[in-house]
Amino acid sequence: MREYDGQMRAVILAHTADDFPAIREEVEQLRLKYVDGLRDAEVFYRGQPDEQFANLYRKWSEVPDTKAVVLRYTLIITILLIVPAINLSSMTLSRMRKRMAEIGVRKAFGATGRTDAANLL
């Protein structure tokens, strides 16, 4: 008796996203044809073939929820970008507070807002 156990992987390149249903249908037909030749065995694909993104995040037999994966990464990236933005705004605010007296003196002597901004940089 031959052993048919084990994992196998195949990559199918589609020309466009419209080809996915046809590819899935053909894979299912080939699976049924293969299973007909086996005795007391079942071959299953656990919802595959997957698109590349879903394949990257598939864990064992679990079909990945790609929306949840995208949401999680979006949240992580947003948090990682918000922290430096807050830091930069805090640095700008502290720098402005240090120069408030200088800005007040300039305004008292008739400097305009445009002149203040140009001289502060």
N, C-alpha and C. Protein backbone atom coordinates (compact mmCIF):
# COMPACT_ATOMS: atom_id res chain seq x y z
N MET A 1 0.84 -1.19 0.00
CA MET A 1 0.00 0.00 0.00
C MET A 1 0.88 1.25 0.00
N ARG A 2 0.56 2.19 -0.85
CA ARG A 2 1.33 3.43 -0.94
C ARG A 2 0.78 4.45 0.05
N GLU A 3 1.67 5.23 0.56
CA GLU A 3 1.27 6.29 1.49
C GLU A 3 1.02 7.57 0.70
N TYR A 4 -0.10 8.19 0.95
CA TYR A 4 -0.45 9.44 0.29
C TYR A 4 -0.53 10.59 1.28
N ASP A 5 -0.04 10.35 2.49
CA ASP A 5 -0.12 11.38 3.52
C ASP A 5 0.95 12.44 3.29
N GLY A 6 0.69 13.59 3.83
CA GLY A 6 1.69 14.65 3.76
C GLY A 6 1.15 15.89 3.09
N GLN A 7 1.91 16.94 3.25
CA GLN A 7 1.50 18.21 2.67
C GLN A 7 2.12 18.40 1.31
N MET A 8 1.37 19.01 0.46
CA MET A 8 1.86 19.37 -0.86
C MET A 8 1.46 20.81 -1.12
N ARG A 9 2.22 21.48 -1.95
CA ARG A 9 1.91 22.87 -2.28
C ARG A 9 2.09 23.07 -3.78
N ALA A 10 1.15 23.75 -4.37
CA ALA A 10 1.23 24.10 -5.78
C ALA A 10 0.91 25.59 -5.91
N VAL A 11 1.52 26.22 -6.86
CA VAL A 11 1.28 27.64 -7.11
C VAL A 11 0.68 27.76 -8.51
N ILE A 12 -0.44 28.44 -8.59
CA ILE A 12 -1.11 28.64 -9.87
C ILE A 12 -1.16 30.15 -10.12
N LEU A 13 -0.64 30.57 -11.24
CA LEU A 13 -0.61 31.98 -11.58
C LEU A 13 -1.81 32.31 -12.46
N ALA A 14 -2.65 33.22 -11.97
CA ALA A 14 -3.83 33.65 -12.72
C ALA A 14 -3.48 34.91 -13.50
N HIS A 15 -4.07 35.04 -14.66
CA HIS A 15 -3.83 36.24 -15.47
C HIS A 15 -4.53 37.45 -14.85
N THR A 16 -5.77 37.24 -14.38
CA THR A 16 -6.53 38.30 -13.73
C THR A 16 -7.29 37.70 -12.56
N ALA A 17 -7.88 38.56 -11.74
CA ALA A 17 -8.68 38.09 -10.60
C ALA A 17 -9.95 37.38 -11.07
N ASP A 18 -10.37 37.63 -12.29
CA ASP A 18 -11.56 36.97 -12.83
C ASP A 18 -11.33 35.48 -13.08
N ASP A 19 -10.07 35.06 -13.11
CA ASP A 19 -9.74 33.65 -13.35
C ASP A 19 -9.89 32.78 -12.10
N PHE A 20 -10.01 33.37 -10.92
CA PHE A 20 -10.03 32.60 -9.67
C PHE A 20 -11.16 31.57 -9.62
N PRO A 21 -12.41 31.92 -9.95
CA PRO A 21 -13.47 30.90 -9.89
C PRO A 21 -13.20 29.72 -10.82
N ALA A 22 -12.69 29.98 -12.01
CA ALA A 22 -12.40 28.90 -12.96
C ALA A 22 -11.28 28.01 -12.43
N ILE A 23 -10.28 28.60 -11.80
CA ILE A 23 -9.17 27.82 -11.22
C ILE A 23 -9.69 26.94 -10.10
N ARG A 24 -10.52 27.51 -9.22
CA ARG A 24 -11.06 26.72 -8.10
C ARG A 24 -11.91 25.56 -8.61
N GLU A 25 -12.69 25.80 -9.65
CA GLU A 25 -13.53 24.74 -10.22
C GLU A 25 -12.67 23.62 -10.82
N GLU A 26 -11.64 24.00 -11.53
CA GLU A 26 -10.75 22.99 -12.14
C GLU A 26 -10.01 22.19 -11.07
N VAL A 27 -9.57 22.86 -10.00
CA VAL A 27 -8.88 22.16 -8.91
C VAL A 27 -9.82 21.17 -8.25
N GLU A 28 -11.07 21.55 -8.05
CA GLU A 28 -12.04 20.63 -7.43
C GLU A 28 -12.30 19.42 -8.33
N GLN A 29 -12.39 19.64 -9.63
CA GLN A 29 -12.58 18.51 -10.56
C GLN A 29 -11.38 17.56 -10.50
N LEU A 30 -10.18 18.10 -10.46
CA LEU A 30 -8.98 17.26 -10.39
C LEU A 30 -8.90 16.53 -9.05
N ARG A 31 -9.34 17.18 -7.96
CA ARG A 31 -9.36 16.53 -6.66
C ARG A 31 -10.30 15.34 -6.65
N LEU A 32 -11.50 15.53 -7.21
CA LEU A 32 -12.47 14.43 -7.27
C LEU A 32 -11.95 13.28 -8.12
N LYS A 33 -11.29 13.59 -9.22
CA LYS A 33 -10.71 12.56 -10.08
C LYS A 33 -9.62 11.79 -9.34
N TYR A 34 -8.81 12.49 -8.55
CA TYR A 34 -7.73 11.86 -7.77
C TYR A 34 -8.31 10.97 -6.67
N VAL A 35 -9.34 11.47 -5.99
CA VAL A 35 -9.95 10.71 -4.89
C VAL A 35 -10.60 9.43 -5.40
N ASP A 36 -11.16 9.46 -6.61
CA ASP A 36 -11.78 8.26 -7.18
C ASP A 36 -10.78 7.12 -7.32
N GLY A 37 -9.52 7.43 -7.51
CA GLY A 37 -8.50 6.39 -7.67
C GLY A 37 -7.96 5.86 -6.36
N LEU A 38 -8.33 6.46 -5.25
CA LEU A 38 -7.83 6.03 -3.93
C LEU A 38 -8.83 5.10 -3.26
N ARG A 39 -8.32 4.26 -2.39
CA ARG A 39 -9.19 3.40 -1.59
C ARG A 39 -9.16 3.90 -0.15
N ASP A 40 -10.31 4.06 0.43
CA ASP A 40 -10.44 4.44 1.84
C ASP A 40 -9.61 5.67 2.20
N ALA A 41 -9.62 6.64 1.37
CA ALA A 41 -8.87 7.87 1.66
C ALA A 41 -9.68 9.06 1.19
N GLU A 42 -9.45 10.14 1.82
CA GLU A 42 -10.12 11.38 1.44
C GLU A 42 -9.07 12.48 1.32
N VAL A 43 -9.16 13.24 0.29
CA VAL A 43 -8.27 14.38 0.08
C VAL A 43 -9.12 15.63 0.19
N PHE A 44 -8.69 16.55 1.02
CA PHE A 44 -9.44 17.79 1.18
C PHE A 44 -8.45 18.95 1.20
N TYR A 45 -8.95 20.10 0.78
CA TYR A 45 -8.07 21.26 0.61
C TYR A 45 -8.32 22.37 1.62
N ARG A 46 -9.27 22.19 2.51
CA ARG A 46 -9.55 23.19 3.55
C ARG A 46 -9.80 24.59 2.96
N GLY A 47 -10.65 24.65 1.96
CA GLY A 47 -11.01 25.95 1.39
C GLY A 47 -10.00 26.52 0.41
N GLN A 48 -9.01 25.75 0.04
CA GLN A 48 -8.01 26.25 -0.89
C GLN A 48 -8.43 25.90 -2.31
N PRO A 49 -7.86 26.45 -3.30
CA PRO A 49 -6.69 27.32 -3.36
C PRO A 49 -7.00 28.72 -2.86
N ASP A 50 -6.03 29.25 -2.18
CA ASP A 50 -6.14 30.60 -1.62
C ASP A 50 -5.48 31.60 -2.54
N GLU A 51 -5.85 32.86 -2.31
CA GLU A 51 -5.09 33.94 -2.92
C GLU A 51 -3.81 34.09 -2.12
N GLN A 52 -2.84 34.81 -2.64
CA GLN A 52 -1.53 34.90 -2.00
C GLN A 52 -1.61 35.48 -0.59
N PHE A 53 -2.40 36.52 -0.39
CA PHE A 53 -2.50 37.15 0.92
C PHE A 53 -3.10 36.19 1.94
N ALA A 54 -4.16 35.46 1.56
CA ALA A 54 -4.78 34.50 2.48
C ALA A 54 -3.83 33.36 2.77
N ASN A 55 -3.04 32.95 1.80
CA ASN A 55 -2.09 31.85 2.01
C ASN A 55 -1.02 32.23 3.03
N LEU A 56 -0.60 33.49 3.02
CA LEU A 56 0.42 33.93 3.96
C LEU A 56 -0.06 33.84 5.41
N TYR A 57 -1.35 34.04 5.63
CA TYR A 57 -1.87 34.10 7.00
C TYR A 57 -2.71 32.88 7.37
N ARG A 58 -2.66 31.83 6.59
CA ARG A 58 -3.37 30.59 6.92
C ARG A 58 -2.59 29.88 8.02
N LYS A 59 -3.29 29.44 9.05
CA LYS A 59 -2.67 28.68 10.12
C LYS A 59 -3.36 27.33 10.20
N TRP A 60 -2.60 26.31 9.96
CA TRP A 60 -3.09 24.93 9.95
C TRP A 60 -4.32 24.83 9.07
N SER A 61 -5.44 24.43 9.61
CA SER A 61 -6.62 24.24 8.77
C SER A 61 -7.54 25.44 8.82
N GLU A 62 -7.16 26.44 9.56
CA GLU A 62 -8.01 27.61 9.75
C GLU A 62 -7.98 28.50 8.51
N VAL A 63 -9.16 28.81 7.99
CA VAL A 63 -9.24 29.73 6.86
C VAL A 63 -9.08 31.15 7.41
N PRO A 64 -8.12 31.91 6.91
CA PRO A 64 -7.86 33.23 7.50
C PRO A 64 -8.96 34.23 7.16
N ASP A 65 -9.24 35.07 8.13
CA ASP A 65 -10.17 36.17 7.93
C ASP A 65 -9.32 37.37 7.49
N THR A 66 -9.22 37.56 6.20
CA THR A 66 -8.30 38.58 5.68
C THR A 66 -8.69 39.99 6.12
N LYS A 67 -9.99 40.24 6.32
CA LYS A 67 -10.40 41.57 6.79
C LYS A 67 -9.85 41.83 8.19
N ALA A 68 -9.88 40.81 9.05
CA ALA A 68 -9.36 40.97 10.40
C ALA A 68 -7.85 41.18 10.38
N VAL A 69 -7.15 40.49 9.49
CA VAL A 69 -5.69 40.64 9.39
C VAL A 69 -5.35 42.06 8.93
N VAL A 70 -6.05 42.54 7.92
CA VAL A 70 -5.81 43.90 7.41
C VAL A 70 -6.13 44.93 8.50
N LEU A 71 -7.24 44.73 9.22
CA LEU A 71 -7.61 45.65 10.29
C LEU A 71 -6.55 45.66 11.39
N ARG A 72 -6.04 44.50 11.76
CA ARG A 72 -5.02 44.41 12.81
C ARG A 72 -3.75 45.15 12.40
N TYR A 73 -3.28 44.92 11.17
CA TYR A 73 -2.06 45.60 10.72
C TYR A 73 -2.28 47.11 10.55
N THR A 74 -3.45 47.50 10.10
CA THR A 74 -3.76 48.92 9.98
C THR A 74 -3.72 49.59 11.35
N LEU A 75 -4.29 48.93 12.34
CA LEU A 75 -4.29 49.46 13.70
C LEU A 75 -2.87 49.58 14.25
N ILE A 76 -2.06 48.56 14.05
CA ILE A 76 -0.68 48.58 14.54
C ILE A 76 0.12 49.70 13.87
N ILE A 77 -0.01 49.82 12.56
CA ILE A 77 0.73 50.86 11.83
C ILE A 77 0.26 52.25 12.26
N THR A 78 -1.05 52.41 12.45
CA THR A 78 -1.58 53.70 12.89
C THR A 78 -1.02 54.09 14.25
N ILE A 79 -1.00 53.13 15.17
CA ILE A 79 -0.45 53.42 16.51
C ILE A 79 1.03 53.78 16.41
N LEU A 80 1.76 53.03 15.58
CA LEU A 80 3.19 53.32 15.44
C LEU A 80 3.46 54.67 14.79
N LEU A 81 2.53 55.19 14.00
CA LEU A 81 2.71 56.51 13.39
C LEU A 81 2.20 57.63 14.28
N ILE A 82 1.23 57.33 15.15
CA ILE A 82 0.69 58.37 16.03
C ILE A 82 1.70 58.76 17.10
N VAL A 83 2.45 57.80 17.62
CA VAL A 83 3.42 58.09 18.69
C VAL A 83 4.46 59.13 18.23
N PRO A 84 5.11 58.98 17.07
CA PRO A 84 6.05 60.04 16.64
C PRO A 84 5.35 61.36 16.34
N ALA A 85 4.10 61.32 15.84
CA ALA A 85 3.40 62.57 15.56
C ALA A 85 3.14 63.35 16.85
N ILE A 86 2.75 62.65 17.91
CA ILE A 86 2.55 63.31 19.20
C ILE A 86 3.87 63.87 19.72
N ASN A 87 4.93 63.11 19.56
CA ASN A 87 6.24 63.56 20.01
C ASN A 87 6.67 64.84 19.27
N LEU A 88 6.48 64.86 17.97
CA LEU A 88 6.85 66.06 17.20
C LEU A 88 6.01 67.26 17.58
N SER A 89 4.72 67.07 17.80
CA SER A 89 3.88 68.20 18.18
C SER A 89 4.26 68.71 19.57
N SER A 90 4.65 67.82 20.46
CA SER A 90 5.09 68.24 21.79
C SER A 90 6.39 69.03 21.70
N MET A 91 7.29 68.60 20.85
CA MET A 91 8.55 69.33 20.68
C MET A 91 8.29 70.73 20.12
N THR A 92 7.39 70.84 19.17
CA THR A 92 7.06 72.14 18.58
C THR A 92 6.42 73.05 19.62
N LEU A 93 5.51 72.49 20.42
CA LEU A 93 4.84 73.28 21.45
C LEU A 93 5.84 73.79 22.49
N SER A 94 6.76 72.93 22.92
CA SER A 94 7.74 73.36 23.92
C SER A 94 8.67 74.44 23.35
N ARG A 95 9.00 74.32 22.08
CA ARG A 95 9.85 75.33 21.45
C ARG A 95 9.12 76.68 21.35
N MET A 96 7.82 76.63 21.04
CA MET A 96 7.03 77.86 20.96
C MET A 96 6.91 78.51 22.33
N ARG A 97 6.72 77.70 23.37
CA ARG A 97 6.60 78.26 24.72
C ARG A 97 7.87 78.98 25.13
N LYS A 98 9.03 78.45 24.75
CA LYS A 98 10.29 79.09 25.09
C LYS A 98 10.43 80.45 24.42
N ARG A 99 9.81 80.60 23.25
CA ARG A 99 10.00 81.84 22.47
C ARG A 99 8.81 82.78 22.58
N MET A 100 7.82 82.49 23.45
CA MET A 100 6.64 83.35 23.56
C MET A 100 7.01 84.79 23.96
N ALA A 101 7.96 84.94 24.88
CA ALA A 101 8.37 86.29 25.30
C ALA A 101 8.98 87.05 24.13
N GLU A 102 9.79 86.37 23.35
CA GLU A 102 10.42 87.01 22.18
C GLU A 102 9.36 87.43 21.17
N ILE A 103 8.37 86.58 20.95
CA ILE A 103 7.30 86.91 20.01
C ILE A 103 6.51 88.12 20.51
N GLY A 104 6.25 88.16 21.83
CA GLY A 104 5.52 89.30 22.41
C GLY A 104 6.27 90.60 22.22
N VAL A 105 7.57 90.60 22.43
CA VAL A 105 8.39 91.81 22.26
C VAL A 105 8.37 92.25 20.80
N ARG A 106 8.48 91.32 19.89
CA ARG A 106 8.46 91.65 18.45
C ARG A 106 7.12 92.29 18.07
N LYS A 107 6.03 91.70 18.58
CA LYS A 107 4.70 92.25 18.28
C LYS A 107 4.56 93.66 18.86
N ALA A 108 5.12 93.86 20.04
CA ALA A 108 5.04 95.18 20.67
C ALA A 108 5.74 96.25 19.84
N PHE A 109 6.80 95.85 19.13
CA PHE A 109 7.52 96.80 18.29
C PHE A 109 7.01 96.84 16.86
N GLY A 110 5.85 96.19 16.60
CA GLY A 110 5.18 96.32 15.32
C GLY A 110 5.47 95.25 14.29
N ALA A 111 6.05 94.14 14.68
CA ALA A 111 6.30 93.05 13.70
C ALA A 111 4.97 92.40 13.34
N THR A 112 4.85 92.00 12.09
CA THR A 112 3.63 91.32 11.64
C THR A 112 3.78 89.82 11.86
N GLY A 113 2.67 89.10 11.70
CA GLY A 113 2.71 87.64 11.88
C GLY A 113 3.62 86.96 10.88
N ARG A 114 3.65 87.46 9.66
CA ARG A 114 4.49 86.88 8.62
C ARG A 114 5.97 87.09 8.96
N THR A 115 6.31 88.25 9.48
CA THR A 115 7.70 88.53 9.87
C THR A 115 8.11 87.63 11.02
N ASP A 116 7.19 87.43 11.99
CA ASP A 116 7.48 86.54 13.13
C ASP A 116 7.79 85.15 12.66
N ALA A 117 6.96 84.63 11.78
CA ALA A 117 7.17 83.25 11.32
C ALA A 117 8.48 83.11 10.58
N ALA A 118 8.85 84.07 9.78
CA ALA A 118 10.08 83.98 9.00
C ALA A 118 11.30 84.06 9.91
N ASN A 119 11.25 84.88 10.96
CA ASN A 119 12.39 85.04 11.84
C ASN A 119 12.53 83.91 12.85
N LEU A 120 11.45 83.20 13.14
CA LEU A 120 11.53 82.12 14.12
C LEU A 120 12.20 80.88 13.54
N LEU A 121 12.14 80.71 12.25
CA LEU A 121 12.75 79.53 11.64
C LEU A 121 14.19 79.76 11.45
